N, C-alpha and C. Protein backbone atom coordinates (compact mmCIF):
# COMPACT_ATOMS: atom_id res chain seq x y z
N MET A 1 -68.06 -19.94 -86.40
CA MET A 1 -68.91 -21.09 -86.57
C MET A 1 -69.88 -20.89 -87.74
N ILE A 2 -70.43 -19.69 -87.84
CA ILE A 2 -71.36 -19.40 -88.92
C ILE A 2 -70.64 -19.45 -90.27
N ARG A 3 -69.43 -18.92 -90.33
CA ARG A 3 -68.66 -18.95 -91.57
C ARG A 3 -68.39 -20.38 -92.02
N LEU A 4 -68.03 -21.22 -91.08
CA LEU A 4 -67.78 -22.62 -91.40
C LEU A 4 -69.03 -23.29 -91.93
N SER A 5 -70.16 -23.03 -91.32
CA SER A 5 -71.43 -23.60 -91.76
C SER A 5 -71.77 -23.14 -93.17
N LEU A 6 -71.60 -21.85 -93.44
CA LEU A 6 -71.87 -21.34 -94.79
C LEU A 6 -70.91 -21.92 -95.81
N PHE A 7 -69.66 -22.07 -95.44
CA PHE A 7 -68.65 -22.66 -96.32
C PHE A 7 -69.03 -24.10 -96.69
N LEU A 8 -69.43 -24.89 -95.71
CA LEU A 8 -69.83 -26.27 -95.96
C LEU A 8 -71.10 -26.34 -96.78
N LEU A 9 -72.05 -25.47 -96.51
CA LEU A 9 -73.28 -25.42 -97.29
C LEU A 9 -73.00 -25.09 -98.74
N PHE A 10 -72.10 -24.15 -98.99
CA PHE A 10 -71.72 -23.76 -100.34
C PHE A 10 -71.17 -24.95 -101.11
N PHE A 11 -70.25 -25.70 -100.54
CA PHE A 11 -69.68 -26.84 -101.24
C PHE A 11 -70.68 -27.98 -101.40
N PHE A 12 -71.58 -28.14 -100.47
CA PHE A 12 -72.64 -29.13 -100.60
C PHE A 12 -73.54 -28.78 -101.79
N CYS A 13 -73.90 -27.52 -101.94
CA CYS A 13 -74.75 -27.08 -103.04
C CYS A 13 -74.05 -27.26 -104.39
N ILE A 14 -72.76 -26.96 -104.45
CA ILE A 14 -72.01 -27.16 -105.69
C ILE A 14 -72.03 -28.64 -106.08
N GLY A 15 -71.86 -29.51 -105.11
CA GLY A 15 -71.91 -30.95 -105.38
C GLY A 15 -73.25 -31.39 -105.93
N LEU A 16 -74.34 -30.83 -105.40
CA LEU A 16 -75.66 -31.17 -105.91
C LEU A 16 -75.86 -30.71 -107.34
N VAL A 17 -75.39 -29.53 -107.67
CA VAL A 17 -75.53 -29.01 -109.03
C VAL A 17 -74.75 -29.87 -110.00
N GLN A 18 -73.53 -30.23 -109.66
CA GLN A 18 -72.73 -31.07 -110.54
C GLN A 18 -73.34 -32.45 -110.69
N ALA A 19 -73.90 -32.98 -109.64
CA ALA A 19 -74.46 -34.31 -109.68
C ALA A 19 -75.69 -34.38 -110.57
N GLN A 20 -76.35 -33.25 -110.79
CA GLN A 20 -77.58 -33.25 -111.56
C GLN A 20 -77.38 -32.79 -113.00
N GLU A 21 -76.17 -32.74 -113.48
CA GLU A 21 -75.95 -32.35 -114.87
C GLU A 21 -76.55 -33.35 -115.84
N LEU A 22 -76.54 -34.62 -115.50
CA LEU A 22 -77.16 -35.67 -116.30
C LEU A 22 -78.17 -36.40 -115.44
N ALA A 23 -79.38 -36.51 -115.96
CA ALA A 23 -80.45 -37.17 -115.22
C ALA A 23 -80.64 -38.59 -115.75
N LEU A 24 -80.72 -39.53 -114.86
CA LEU A 24 -80.97 -40.93 -115.21
C LEU A 24 -82.44 -41.07 -115.61
N VAL A 25 -82.69 -41.65 -116.79
CA VAL A 25 -84.06 -41.85 -117.26
C VAL A 25 -84.22 -43.28 -117.75
N ARG A 26 -85.46 -43.73 -117.75
CA ARG A 26 -85.74 -45.09 -118.22
C ARG A 26 -86.80 -45.04 -119.31
N THR A 27 -86.53 -45.72 -120.40
CA THR A 27 -87.54 -45.90 -121.44
C THR A 27 -88.28 -47.19 -121.10
N ASP A 28 -88.94 -47.80 -122.06
CA ASP A 28 -89.67 -49.03 -121.78
C ASP A 28 -88.78 -50.12 -121.21
N LYS A 29 -87.55 -50.24 -121.74
CA LYS A 29 -86.69 -51.34 -121.33
C LYS A 29 -85.31 -50.91 -120.84
N ASN A 30 -84.81 -49.79 -121.28
CA ASN A 30 -83.42 -49.43 -121.01
C ASN A 30 -83.28 -48.08 -120.31
N PHE A 31 -82.10 -47.91 -119.71
CA PHE A 31 -81.76 -46.67 -119.02
C PHE A 31 -80.79 -45.85 -119.87
N GLY A 32 -80.92 -44.53 -119.77
CA GLY A 32 -80.01 -43.59 -120.42
C GLY A 32 -79.93 -42.34 -119.57
N TYR A 33 -79.33 -41.29 -120.14
CA TYR A 33 -79.12 -40.06 -119.38
C TYR A 33 -79.49 -38.85 -120.22
N LEU A 34 -80.25 -37.93 -119.62
CA LEU A 34 -80.63 -36.67 -120.26
C LEU A 34 -79.79 -35.54 -119.72
N ASN A 35 -79.49 -34.55 -120.61
CA ASN A 35 -78.80 -33.35 -120.15
C ASN A 35 -79.83 -32.32 -119.72
N ARG A 36 -79.38 -31.13 -119.38
CA ARG A 36 -80.29 -30.08 -118.89
C ARG A 36 -81.26 -29.59 -119.95
N GLU A 37 -80.92 -29.77 -121.22
CA GLU A 37 -81.81 -29.36 -122.31
C GLU A 37 -82.82 -30.45 -122.65
N GLU A 38 -82.85 -31.51 -121.83
CA GLU A 38 -83.73 -32.66 -122.00
C GLU A 38 -83.48 -33.39 -123.31
N GLU A 39 -82.21 -33.42 -123.71
CA GLU A 39 -81.78 -34.21 -124.86
C GLU A 39 -80.97 -35.37 -124.34
N TYR A 40 -80.97 -36.46 -125.09
CA TYR A 40 -80.17 -37.60 -124.65
C TYR A 40 -78.70 -37.29 -124.76
N ALA A 41 -78.02 -37.29 -123.63
CA ALA A 41 -76.57 -37.18 -123.61
C ALA A 41 -75.98 -38.57 -123.82
N ILE A 42 -76.65 -39.57 -123.27
CA ILE A 42 -76.29 -40.98 -123.45
C ILE A 42 -77.60 -41.71 -123.72
N VAL A 43 -77.74 -42.24 -124.93
CA VAL A 43 -79.00 -42.87 -125.33
C VAL A 43 -79.28 -44.09 -124.45
N PRO A 44 -80.55 -44.39 -124.21
CA PRO A 44 -80.90 -45.56 -123.40
C PRO A 44 -80.37 -46.84 -124.03
N GLN A 45 -79.50 -47.52 -123.30
CA GLN A 45 -78.89 -48.75 -123.81
C GLN A 45 -78.52 -49.71 -122.69
N PHE A 46 -78.79 -49.34 -121.46
CA PHE A 46 -78.38 -50.15 -120.32
C PHE A 46 -79.58 -50.81 -119.66
N VAL A 47 -79.40 -52.07 -119.27
CA VAL A 47 -80.45 -52.82 -118.58
C VAL A 47 -80.67 -52.26 -117.19
N GLN A 48 -79.58 -51.90 -116.52
CA GLN A 48 -79.65 -51.25 -115.22
C GLN A 48 -78.59 -50.15 -115.20
N ALA A 49 -78.86 -49.09 -114.45
CA ALA A 49 -77.91 -47.98 -114.36
C ALA A 49 -78.14 -47.21 -113.07
N HIS A 50 -77.10 -46.52 -112.65
CA HIS A 50 -77.16 -45.69 -111.45
C HIS A 50 -76.77 -44.27 -111.82
N SER A 51 -77.12 -43.33 -110.97
CA SER A 51 -76.76 -41.93 -111.19
C SER A 51 -75.25 -41.75 -111.10
N PHE A 52 -74.77 -40.66 -111.67
CA PHE A 52 -73.35 -40.36 -111.64
C PHE A 52 -72.92 -39.95 -110.24
N LEU A 53 -71.76 -40.42 -109.86
CA LEU A 53 -71.10 -40.02 -108.64
C LEU A 53 -69.72 -39.56 -109.07
N GLU A 54 -69.44 -38.28 -108.84
CA GLU A 54 -68.24 -37.66 -109.41
C GLU A 54 -68.38 -37.71 -110.93
N ASP A 55 -67.50 -38.41 -111.62
CA ASP A 55 -67.55 -38.45 -113.08
C ASP A 55 -67.86 -39.82 -113.64
N LEU A 56 -68.30 -40.76 -112.80
CA LEU A 56 -68.59 -42.11 -113.27
C LEU A 56 -69.97 -42.56 -112.82
N ALA A 57 -70.58 -43.41 -113.64
CA ALA A 57 -71.85 -44.05 -113.28
C ALA A 57 -71.70 -45.55 -113.49
N CYS A 58 -72.27 -46.31 -112.60
CA CYS A 58 -72.23 -47.77 -112.69
C CYS A 58 -73.40 -48.22 -113.57
N VAL A 59 -73.11 -49.05 -114.57
CA VAL A 59 -74.13 -49.51 -115.51
C VAL A 59 -73.99 -51.01 -115.76
N TYR A 60 -75.10 -51.60 -116.18
CA TYR A 60 -75.14 -53.03 -116.53
C TYR A 60 -75.71 -53.13 -117.92
N ASP A 61 -74.94 -53.74 -118.83
CA ASP A 61 -75.38 -53.82 -120.23
C ASP A 61 -76.08 -55.13 -120.57
N GLY A 62 -76.34 -55.95 -119.59
CA GLY A 62 -76.97 -57.24 -119.82
C GLY A 62 -76.01 -58.39 -119.67
N LEU A 63 -74.73 -58.09 -119.80
CA LEU A 63 -73.68 -59.11 -119.63
C LEU A 63 -72.73 -58.77 -118.50
N LEU A 64 -72.32 -57.52 -118.44
CA LEU A 64 -71.31 -57.10 -117.47
C LEU A 64 -71.71 -55.80 -116.78
N TRP A 65 -71.25 -55.64 -115.54
CA TRP A 65 -71.33 -54.36 -114.85
C TRP A 65 -70.07 -53.58 -115.15
N GLY A 66 -70.20 -52.28 -115.25
CA GLY A 66 -69.03 -51.45 -115.48
C GLY A 66 -69.33 -50.00 -115.17
N TYR A 67 -68.39 -49.14 -115.52
CA TYR A 67 -68.52 -47.70 -115.29
C TYR A 67 -68.40 -46.97 -116.62
N ILE A 68 -69.19 -45.90 -116.75
CA ILE A 68 -69.09 -45.03 -117.91
C ILE A 68 -68.79 -43.62 -117.42
N ASP A 69 -68.20 -42.82 -118.31
CA ASP A 69 -67.99 -41.41 -117.97
C ASP A 69 -69.18 -40.60 -118.48
N ARG A 70 -69.13 -39.30 -118.33
CA ARG A 70 -70.26 -38.44 -118.69
C ARG A 70 -70.49 -38.34 -120.19
N GLN A 71 -69.56 -38.84 -120.99
CA GLN A 71 -69.75 -38.91 -122.43
C GLN A 71 -70.27 -40.28 -122.86
N GLY A 72 -70.42 -41.19 -121.91
CA GLY A 72 -70.92 -42.52 -122.22
C GLY A 72 -69.83 -43.50 -122.61
N LYS A 73 -68.59 -43.08 -122.49
CA LYS A 73 -67.48 -43.95 -122.86
C LYS A 73 -67.12 -44.86 -121.69
N SER A 74 -66.82 -46.10 -122.04
CA SER A 74 -66.39 -47.06 -121.02
C SER A 74 -65.02 -47.58 -121.40
N SER A 75 -64.43 -48.23 -120.45
CA SER A 75 -63.12 -48.83 -120.67
C SER A 75 -63.22 -50.29 -120.29
N ASP A 76 -62.59 -51.17 -121.06
CA ASP A 76 -62.61 -52.59 -120.74
C ASP A 76 -62.04 -52.83 -119.35
N SER A 77 -61.12 -52.00 -118.94
CA SER A 77 -60.51 -52.18 -117.63
C SER A 77 -61.48 -51.80 -116.50
N LEU A 78 -62.56 -51.10 -116.83
CA LEU A 78 -63.53 -50.72 -115.81
C LEU A 78 -64.60 -51.76 -115.61
N TYR A 79 -64.75 -52.71 -116.54
CA TYR A 79 -65.79 -53.71 -116.42
C TYR A 79 -65.39 -54.84 -115.49
N VAL A 80 -66.35 -55.31 -114.71
CA VAL A 80 -66.10 -56.41 -113.78
C VAL A 80 -67.10 -57.53 -114.00
């Protein structure tokens, strides 16, 4: 039982570390993402944005909602 608990705790901690690789930040008007060095990985350009889950984040550019990857790239097929 203890081994199982430690195993689950280990994977939970890994998930938290990966989830925090890019931090969601807001400037005066727009949202962007900072990396661990506190540099913009994705410059603020979104009206609304959410934190990354796995490798995608949901963003709103003022016209459409969509998903971006950790490099800030989106696909037309991802927009709704």
